[in-house]
Amino acid sequence: MLLYRVAGDGDVEVLLGHMGGPFWARKDAGGWSIPKGEHGPGEEPLDVARREFAEELGSPVPAQTFLDLGELRVTSGKLLTVFAGEGDLDATACTSNTFDLEWPPRSGRVQQFPEIDRADWFSVEEARVALVRGQVPFLDRLLARVAA
């Protein structure tokens, strides 16, 4: 779910989450993601996008209508389906669910890390640098839909 808002000057801004865990801890450029998750058989992609947004950011999606930005296969091989909704959210108040990871590797010690360790608003141009590369095309799709 790609939350967006239109600033006073007409520029579009998007809310992104910085991926949590030790691998992403020191990566900023290319370390941000659209809040997302996997859906199982029989689940509606929009319902899953709304659920994952709430789990990863600690708040329901503050939007009533959604734009279907379509699907895209990313470098990991996963097929992403992204929806966008216009709304506003205090990025500093976001809190994420967690995942378990053996860290340090081969230590036998399992630690919990947030899926998203922080969230922030970006202009579309800033988001092009911040996002993991495979998700960048969704920014162009968003701009095309918002401009229409």
N, C-alpha and C. Protein backbone atom coordinates (compact mmCIF):
# COMPACT_ATOMS: atom_id res chain seq x y z
N MET A 1 0.85 -1.16 0.00
CA MET A 1 0.00 0.00 0.00
C MET A 1 0.90 1.23 0.00
N LEU A 2 0.78 2.02 -1.03
CA LEU A 2 1.58 3.24 -1.18
C LEU A 2 0.70 4.43 -0.80
N LEU A 3 0.92 4.96 0.40
CA LEU A 3 0.18 6.13 0.85
C LEU A 3 0.83 7.36 0.24
N TYR A 4 0.00 8.27 -0.28
CA TYR A 4 0.54 9.49 -0.87
C TYR A 4 -0.28 10.68 -0.42
N ARG A 5 0.33 11.84 -0.55
CA ARG A 5 -0.35 13.10 -0.29
C ARG A 5 0.16 14.12 -1.30
N VAL A 6 -0.66 15.12 -1.55
CA VAL A 6 -0.28 16.18 -2.47
C VAL A 6 0.02 17.41 -1.63
N ALA A 7 1.26 17.88 -1.73
CA ALA A 7 1.70 19.04 -0.94
C ALA A 7 1.06 20.32 -1.49
N GLY A 8 1.18 21.39 -0.74
CA GLY A 8 0.60 22.67 -1.12
C GLY A 8 1.07 23.17 -2.47
N ASP A 9 2.29 22.82 -2.86
CA ASP A 9 2.82 23.25 -4.15
C ASP A 9 2.44 22.30 -5.29
N GLY A 10 1.63 21.27 -4.96
CA GLY A 10 1.20 20.32 -5.98
C GLY A 10 2.09 19.11 -6.14
N ASP A 11 3.23 19.09 -5.45
CA ASP A 11 4.13 17.94 -5.53
C ASP A 11 3.54 16.75 -4.77
N VAL A 12 3.74 15.57 -5.31
CA VAL A 12 3.28 14.35 -4.67
C VAL A 12 4.37 13.84 -3.74
N GLU A 13 3.96 13.45 -2.53
CA GLU A 13 4.86 12.85 -1.56
C GLU A 13 4.34 11.46 -1.23
N VAL A 14 5.26 10.54 -0.93
CA VAL A 14 4.89 9.16 -0.60
C VAL A 14 5.47 8.76 0.75
N LEU A 15 4.74 7.89 1.44
CA LEU A 15 5.19 7.38 2.73
C LEU A 15 5.87 6.04 2.51
N LEU A 16 7.12 5.94 2.93
CA LEU A 16 7.90 4.72 2.78
C LEU A 16 8.37 4.24 4.15
N GLY A 17 8.66 2.95 4.24
CA GLY A 17 9.21 2.38 5.46
C GLY A 17 10.63 1.90 5.23
N HIS A 18 11.51 2.19 6.18
CA HIS A 18 12.88 1.70 6.10
C HIS A 18 12.89 0.27 6.64
N MET A 19 13.42 -0.64 5.85
CA MET A 19 13.39 -2.05 6.24
C MET A 19 14.23 -2.30 7.49
N GLY A 20 13.66 -3.07 8.40
CA GLY A 20 14.31 -3.34 9.67
C GLY A 20 15.25 -4.52 9.60
N GLY A 21 15.98 -4.70 10.66
CA GLY A 21 16.92 -5.81 10.76
C GLY A 21 18.34 -5.39 10.49
N PRO A 22 19.28 -6.23 10.86
CA PRO A 22 20.70 -5.86 10.76
C PRO A 22 21.21 -5.66 9.34
N PHE A 23 20.64 -6.36 8.35
CA PHE A 23 21.12 -6.21 6.97
C PHE A 23 20.89 -4.79 6.46
N TRP A 24 19.78 -4.18 6.85
CA TRP A 24 19.40 -2.85 6.33
C TRP A 24 19.81 -1.72 7.26
N ALA A 25 20.35 -2.02 8.43
CA ALA A 25 20.59 -1.01 9.46
C ALA A 25 21.43 0.17 8.97
N ARG A 26 22.41 -0.07 8.14
CA ARG A 26 23.30 1.01 7.70
C ARG A 26 23.06 1.41 6.24
N LYS A 27 21.96 0.93 5.67
CA LYS A 27 21.64 1.26 4.28
C LYS A 27 20.49 2.25 4.25
N ASP A 28 20.74 3.37 3.61
CA ASP A 28 19.66 4.34 3.46
C ASP A 28 19.17 4.32 2.02
N ALA A 29 20.01 4.73 1.08
CA ALA A 29 19.63 4.68 -0.33
C ALA A 29 19.38 3.23 -0.71
N GLY A 30 18.21 2.96 -1.24
CA GLY A 30 17.85 1.60 -1.62
C GLY A 30 17.42 0.73 -0.46
N GLY A 31 17.25 1.30 0.72
CA GLY A 31 16.87 0.55 1.91
C GLY A 31 15.44 0.79 2.37
N TRP A 32 14.66 1.47 1.55
CA TRP A 32 13.28 1.81 1.89
C TRP A 32 12.34 1.02 1.01
N SER A 33 11.12 0.82 1.49
CA SER A 33 10.17 -0.02 0.77
C SER A 33 8.75 0.52 0.91
N ILE A 34 7.93 0.15 -0.05
CA ILE A 34 6.50 0.35 0.07
C ILE A 34 6.02 -0.69 1.08
N PRO A 35 5.23 -0.32 2.09
CA PRO A 35 4.72 -1.32 3.03
C PRO A 35 3.95 -2.41 2.27
N LYS A 36 4.35 -3.67 2.49
CA LYS A 36 3.79 -4.76 1.71
C LYS A 36 3.89 -6.06 2.47
N GLY A 37 3.26 -7.09 1.91
CA GLY A 37 3.34 -8.43 2.49
C GLY A 37 2.80 -9.45 1.52
N GLU A 38 2.94 -10.70 1.87
CA GLU A 38 2.51 -11.77 0.98
C GLU A 38 1.05 -12.12 1.25
N HIS A 39 0.36 -12.50 0.18
CA HIS A 39 -1.00 -12.98 0.36
C HIS A 39 -1.09 -14.44 -0.05
N GLY A 40 -1.97 -15.11 0.61
CA GLY A 40 -2.15 -16.53 0.34
C GLY A 40 -3.28 -16.76 -0.64
N PRO A 41 -3.50 -18.03 -0.99
CA PRO A 41 -4.58 -18.36 -1.92
C PRO A 41 -5.93 -17.93 -1.34
N GLY A 42 -6.74 -17.37 -2.19
CA GLY A 42 -8.08 -16.97 -1.76
C GLY A 42 -8.16 -15.62 -1.10
N GLU A 43 -7.02 -14.98 -0.83
CA GLU A 43 -7.04 -13.65 -0.21
C GLU A 43 -7.10 -12.59 -1.29
N GLU A 44 -7.86 -11.55 -1.03
CA GLU A 44 -7.94 -10.42 -1.95
C GLU A 44 -6.72 -9.52 -1.75
N PRO A 45 -6.00 -9.19 -2.83
CA PRO A 45 -4.79 -8.37 -2.70
C PRO A 45 -5.02 -7.03 -1.99
N LEU A 46 -6.13 -6.36 -2.23
CA LEU A 46 -6.38 -5.08 -1.55
C LEU A 46 -6.55 -5.28 -0.05
N ASP A 47 -7.24 -6.34 0.34
CA ASP A 47 -7.40 -6.63 1.78
C ASP A 47 -6.06 -6.90 2.43
N VAL A 48 -5.21 -7.64 1.73
CA VAL A 48 -3.88 -7.95 2.26
C VAL A 48 -3.04 -6.68 2.35
N ALA A 49 -3.12 -5.82 1.33
CA ALA A 49 -2.35 -4.57 1.35
C ALA A 49 -2.76 -3.71 2.55
N ARG A 50 -4.04 -3.65 2.82
CA ARG A 50 -4.51 -2.87 3.98
C ARG A 50 -4.04 -3.48 5.29
N ARG A 51 -4.12 -4.80 5.40
CA ARG A 51 -3.67 -5.49 6.62
C ARG A 51 -2.18 -5.28 6.84
N GLU A 52 -1.38 -5.47 5.79
CA GLU A 52 0.07 -5.35 5.92
C GLU A 52 0.48 -3.92 6.27
N PHE A 53 -0.21 -2.94 5.70
CA PHE A 53 0.06 -1.54 6.04
C PHE A 53 -0.13 -1.35 7.55
N ALA A 54 -1.25 -1.83 8.07
CA ALA A 54 -1.54 -1.68 9.51
C ALA A 54 -0.50 -2.40 10.36
N GLU A 55 -0.08 -3.60 9.94
CA GLU A 55 0.91 -4.34 10.72
C GLU A 55 2.28 -3.66 10.69
N GLU A 56 2.67 -3.16 9.53
CA GLU A 56 4.02 -2.61 9.40
C GLU A 56 4.13 -1.17 9.88
N LEU A 57 3.02 -0.43 9.91
CA LEU A 57 3.09 0.97 10.33
C LEU A 57 2.29 1.25 11.61
N GLY A 58 1.55 0.27 12.09
CA GLY A 58 0.84 0.42 13.35
C GLY A 58 -0.40 1.28 13.27
N SER A 59 -0.94 1.47 12.08
CA SER A 59 -2.12 2.30 11.89
C SER A 59 -2.88 1.82 10.66
N PRO A 60 -4.20 1.90 10.70
CA PRO A 60 -4.94 1.57 9.47
C PRO A 60 -4.62 2.57 8.37
N VAL A 61 -4.82 2.17 7.14
CA VAL A 61 -4.59 3.07 6.00
C VAL A 61 -5.57 4.23 6.10
N PRO A 62 -5.06 5.46 6.16
CA PRO A 62 -5.96 6.62 6.26
C PRO A 62 -6.47 7.08 4.89
N ALA A 63 -7.08 6.17 4.16
CA ALA A 63 -7.61 6.47 2.83
C ALA A 63 -8.91 5.70 2.66
N GLN A 64 -9.80 6.24 1.85
CA GLN A 64 -11.09 5.58 1.60
C GLN A 64 -11.17 4.98 0.21
N THR A 65 -10.45 5.57 -0.73
CA THR A 65 -10.45 5.05 -2.09
C THR A 65 -9.02 4.69 -2.47
N PHE A 66 -8.90 3.72 -3.37
CA PHE A 66 -7.58 3.20 -3.70
C PHE A 66 -7.39 3.11 -5.21
N LEU A 67 -6.18 3.39 -5.63
CA LEU A 67 -5.79 3.27 -7.03
C LEU A 67 -5.02 1.96 -7.18
N ASP A 68 -5.39 1.16 -8.16
CA ASP A 68 -4.68 -0.08 -8.43
C ASP A 68 -3.50 0.27 -9.33
N LEU A 69 -2.29 0.15 -8.81
CA LEU A 69 -1.08 0.45 -9.58
C LEU A 69 -0.55 -0.78 -10.32
N GLY A 70 -1.26 -1.87 -10.24
CA GLY A 70 -0.90 -3.05 -11.01
C GLY A 70 0.15 -3.92 -10.36
N GLU A 71 0.65 -4.83 -11.16
CA GLU A 71 1.64 -5.82 -10.71
C GLU A 71 2.98 -5.56 -11.37
N LEU A 72 4.02 -6.05 -10.71
CA LEU A 72 5.37 -5.93 -11.24
C LEU A 72 6.22 -7.02 -10.61
N ARG A 73 6.96 -7.74 -11.43
CA ARG A 73 7.89 -8.75 -10.91
C ARG A 73 9.20 -8.04 -10.58
N VAL A 74 9.65 -8.16 -9.33
CA VAL A 74 10.87 -7.49 -8.88
C VAL A 74 12.05 -8.45 -8.97
N THR A 75 13.24 -7.93 -8.71
CA THR A 75 14.47 -8.71 -8.90
C THR A 75 14.51 -9.99 -8.06
N SER A 76 13.82 -10.00 -6.93
CA SER A 76 13.80 -11.21 -6.09
C SER A 76 12.95 -12.30 -6.72
N GLY A 77 12.21 -11.95 -7.77
CA GLY A 77 11.31 -12.91 -8.41
C GLY A 77 9.89 -12.82 -7.91
N LYS A 78 9.67 -12.06 -6.84
CA LYS A 78 8.33 -11.91 -6.29
C LYS A 78 7.49 -11.02 -7.19
N LEU A 79 6.20 -11.30 -7.22
CA LEU A 79 5.26 -10.49 -7.98
C LEU A 79 4.55 -9.56 -6.99
N LEU A 80 4.78 -8.25 -7.14
CA LEU A 80 4.16 -7.27 -6.25
C LEU A 80 2.91 -6.70 -6.90
N THR A 81 1.85 -6.60 -6.12
CA THR A 81 0.64 -5.89 -6.51
C THR A 81 0.54 -4.71 -5.56
N VAL A 82 0.50 -3.49 -6.11
CA VAL A 82 0.52 -2.30 -5.26
C VAL A 82 -0.73 -1.47 -5.51
N PHE A 83 -1.29 -1.00 -4.41
CA PHE A 83 -2.40 -0.06 -4.43
C PHE A 83 -1.91 1.23 -3.80
N ALA A 84 -2.51 2.34 -4.18
CA ALA A 84 -2.17 3.64 -3.59
C ALA A 84 -3.42 4.26 -3.01
N GLY A 85 -3.24 4.98 -1.93
CA GLY A 85 -4.34 5.69 -1.30
C GLY A 85 -3.86 7.06 -0.87
N GLU A 86 -4.72 8.06 -1.05
CA GLU A 86 -4.35 9.41 -0.63
C GLU A 86 -4.75 9.61 0.81
N GLY A 87 -3.81 10.09 1.61
CA GLY A 87 -4.07 10.33 3.02
C GLY A 87 -2.84 10.88 3.70
N ASP A 88 -2.96 11.12 4.98
CA ASP A 88 -1.84 11.65 5.75
C ASP A 88 -1.68 10.82 7.01
N LEU A 89 -0.47 10.73 7.47
CA LEU A 89 -0.15 9.93 8.65
C LEU A 89 1.12 10.50 9.26
N ASP A 90 1.16 10.53 10.58
CA ASP A 90 2.36 10.99 11.28
C ASP A 90 3.41 9.89 11.21
N ALA A 91 4.40 10.07 10.37
CA ALA A 91 5.43 9.04 10.17
C ALA A 91 6.21 8.76 11.45
N THR A 92 6.36 9.75 12.31
CA THR A 92 7.15 9.55 13.53
C THR A 92 6.42 8.66 14.55
N ALA A 93 5.11 8.49 14.38
CA ALA A 93 4.33 7.68 15.31
C ALA A 93 4.19 6.23 14.86
N CYS A 94 4.77 5.88 13.73
CA CYS A 94 4.62 4.53 13.18
C CYS A 94 5.38 3.51 14.03
N THR A 95 4.73 2.38 14.28
CA THR A 95 5.34 1.27 15.00
C THR A 95 5.04 -0.01 14.24
N SER A 96 6.04 -0.85 14.09
CA SER A 96 5.92 -2.04 13.25
C SER A 96 5.84 -3.32 14.06
N ASN A 97 5.28 -4.35 13.42
CA ASN A 97 5.38 -5.69 13.97
C ASN A 97 6.84 -6.15 13.84
N THR A 98 7.14 -7.32 14.37
CA THR A 98 8.53 -7.78 14.39
C THR A 98 8.67 -9.15 13.72
N PHE A 99 9.91 -9.52 13.45
CA PHE A 99 10.23 -10.85 12.94
C PHE A 99 11.42 -11.38 13.71
N ASP A 100 11.54 -12.70 13.77
CA ASP A 100 12.65 -13.37 14.47
C ASP A 100 13.77 -13.67 13.49
N LEU A 101 15.01 -13.48 13.96
CA LEU A 101 16.17 -13.75 13.13
C LEU A 101 17.32 -14.21 14.02
N GLU A 102 18.01 -15.25 13.60
CA GLU A 102 19.21 -15.66 14.33
C GLU A 102 20.28 -14.60 14.05
N TRP A 103 20.70 -13.91 15.10
CA TRP A 103 21.68 -12.85 14.96
C TRP A 103 22.56 -12.78 16.19
N PRO A 104 23.84 -12.71 16.03
CA PRO A 104 24.61 -12.83 14.80
C PRO A 104 24.44 -14.21 14.17
N PRO A 105 24.76 -14.31 12.86
CA PRO A 105 24.60 -15.59 12.16
C PRO A 105 25.36 -16.71 12.86
N ARG A 106 24.76 -17.88 12.88
CA ARG A 106 25.32 -19.10 13.47
C ARG A 106 25.65 -18.97 14.96
N SER A 107 25.01 -17.99 15.63
CA SER A 107 25.25 -17.80 17.07
C SER A 107 24.29 -18.62 17.91
N GLY A 108 23.18 -19.08 17.29
CA GLY A 108 22.16 -19.78 18.06
C GLY A 108 21.25 -18.84 18.83
N ARG A 109 21.52 -17.55 18.76
CA ARG A 109 20.72 -16.56 19.49
C ARG A 109 19.70 -15.92 18.54
N VAL A 110 18.43 -16.04 18.87
CA VAL A 110 17.37 -15.48 18.04
C VAL A 110 16.93 -14.15 18.64
N GLN A 111 16.92 -13.13 17.80
CA GLN A 111 16.49 -11.81 18.24
C GLN A 111 15.29 -11.36 17.42
N GLN A 112 14.55 -10.41 17.96
CA GLN A 112 13.42 -9.83 17.24
C GLN A 112 13.82 -8.47 16.69
N PHE A 113 13.38 -8.22 15.45
CA PHE A 113 13.64 -6.96 14.78
C PHE A 113 12.33 -6.45 14.18
N PRO A 114 12.14 -5.13 14.11
CA PRO A 114 10.94 -4.61 13.46
C PRO A 114 11.03 -4.80 11.95
N GLU A 115 9.87 -5.11 11.32
CA GLU A 115 9.87 -5.22 9.86
C GLU A 115 10.22 -3.88 9.23
N ILE A 116 9.70 -2.82 9.81
CA ILE A 116 9.98 -1.44 9.39
C ILE A 116 10.53 -0.72 10.62
N ASP A 117 11.76 -0.22 10.55
CA ASP A 117 12.32 0.41 11.75
C ASP A 117 12.02 1.91 11.84
N ARG A 118 11.59 2.50 10.73
CA ARG A 118 11.13 3.89 10.75
C ARG A 118 10.40 4.17 9.44
N ALA A 119 9.60 5.20 9.46
CA ALA A 119 8.86 5.61 8.27
C ALA A 119 9.10 7.09 8.04
N ASP A 120 8.94 7.52 6.78
CA ASP A 120 9.12 8.93 6.48
C ASP A 120 8.44 9.26 5.16
N TRP A 121 8.16 10.53 4.99
CA TRP A 121 7.59 11.06 3.76
C TRP A 121 8.72 11.49 2.83
N PHE A 122 8.56 11.20 1.54
CA PHE A 122 9.55 11.56 0.53
C PHE A 122 8.85 12.19 -0.66
N SER A 123 9.51 13.18 -1.26
CA SER A 123 9.05 13.61 -2.58
C SER A 123 9.27 12.43 -3.52
N VAL A 124 8.62 12.42 -4.65
CA VAL A 124 8.80 11.31 -5.59
C VAL A 124 10.26 11.22 -6.04
N GLU A 125 10.89 12.35 -6.25
CA GLU A 125 12.30 12.31 -6.68
C GLU A 125 13.19 11.74 -5.58
N GLU A 126 12.96 12.10 -4.34
CA GLU A 126 13.72 11.52 -3.23
C GLU A 126 13.44 10.02 -3.11
N ALA A 127 12.19 9.65 -3.32
CA ALA A 127 11.79 8.24 -3.21
C ALA A 127 12.48 7.39 -4.27
N ARG A 128 12.77 7.95 -5.43
CA ARG A 128 13.46 7.20 -6.48
C ARG A 128 14.83 6.71 -6.00
N VAL A 129 15.47 7.47 -5.13
CA VAL A 129 16.78 7.09 -4.58
C VAL A 129 16.61 6.18 -3.36
N ALA A 130 15.61 6.47 -2.54
CA ALA A 130 15.43 5.74 -1.29
C ALA A 130 14.90 4.32 -1.49
N LEU A 131 13.99 4.13 -2.42
CA LEU A 131 13.34 2.83 -2.63
C LEU A 131 14.30 1.77 -3.14
N VAL A 132 14.01 0.52 -2.78
CA VAL A 132 14.70 -0.59 -3.43
C VAL A 132 14.35 -0.49 -4.91
N ARG A 133 15.31 -0.76 -5.74
CA ARG A 133 15.21 -0.49 -7.18
C ARG A 133 13.97 -1.07 -7.84
N GLY A 134 13.60 -2.28 -7.51
CA GLY A 134 12.48 -2.94 -8.17
C GLY A 134 11.13 -2.29 -7.96
N GLN A 135 11.01 -1.44 -6.93
CA GLN A 135 9.73 -0.80 -6.63
C GLN A 135 9.59 0.59 -7.26
N VAL A 136 10.66 1.13 -7.80
CA VAL A 136 10.65 2.49 -8.36
C VAL A 136 9.59 2.67 -9.45
N PRO A 137 9.36 1.71 -10.35
CA PRO A 137 8.34 1.92 -11.39
C PRO A 137 6.94 2.24 -10.84
N PHE A 138 6.65 1.82 -9.62
CA PHE A 138 5.34 2.15 -9.05
C PHE A 138 5.18 3.66 -8.83
N LEU A 139 6.29 4.38 -8.66
CA LEU A 139 6.21 5.84 -8.51
C LEU A 139 5.69 6.47 -9.80
N ASP A 140 6.19 6.01 -10.94
CA ASP A 140 5.72 6.54 -12.22
C ASP A 140 4.26 6.20 -12.45
N ARG A 141 3.87 5.00 -12.07
CA ARG A 141 2.47 4.60 -12.20
C ARG A 141 1.58 5.48 -11.34
N LEU A 142 2.05 5.78 -10.13
CA LEU A 142 1.29 6.66 -9.23
C LEU A 142 1.14 8.04 -9.85
N LEU A 143 2.24 8.63 -10.32
CA LEU A 143 2.18 9.96 -10.91
C LEU A 143 1.24 10.00 -12.11
N ALA A 144 1.26 8.98 -12.92
CA ALA A 144 0.38 8.93 -14.09
C ALA A 144 -1.10 8.89 -13.68
N ARG A 145 -1.39 8.16 -12.60
CA ARG A 145 -2.78 8.05 -12.14
C ARG A 145 -3.25 9.32 -11.43
N VAL A 146 -2.37 9.94 -10.67
CA VAL A 146 -2.74 11.16 -9.93
C VAL A 146 -2.93 12.32 -10.92
N ALA A 147 -2.12 12.36 -11.97
CA ALA A 147 -2.20 13.44 -12.96
C ALA A 147 -3.42 13.29 -13.87
N ALA A 148 -3.96 12.07 -13.96
CA ALA A 148 -5.08 11.81 -14.89
C ALA A 148 -6.37 12.47 -14.44
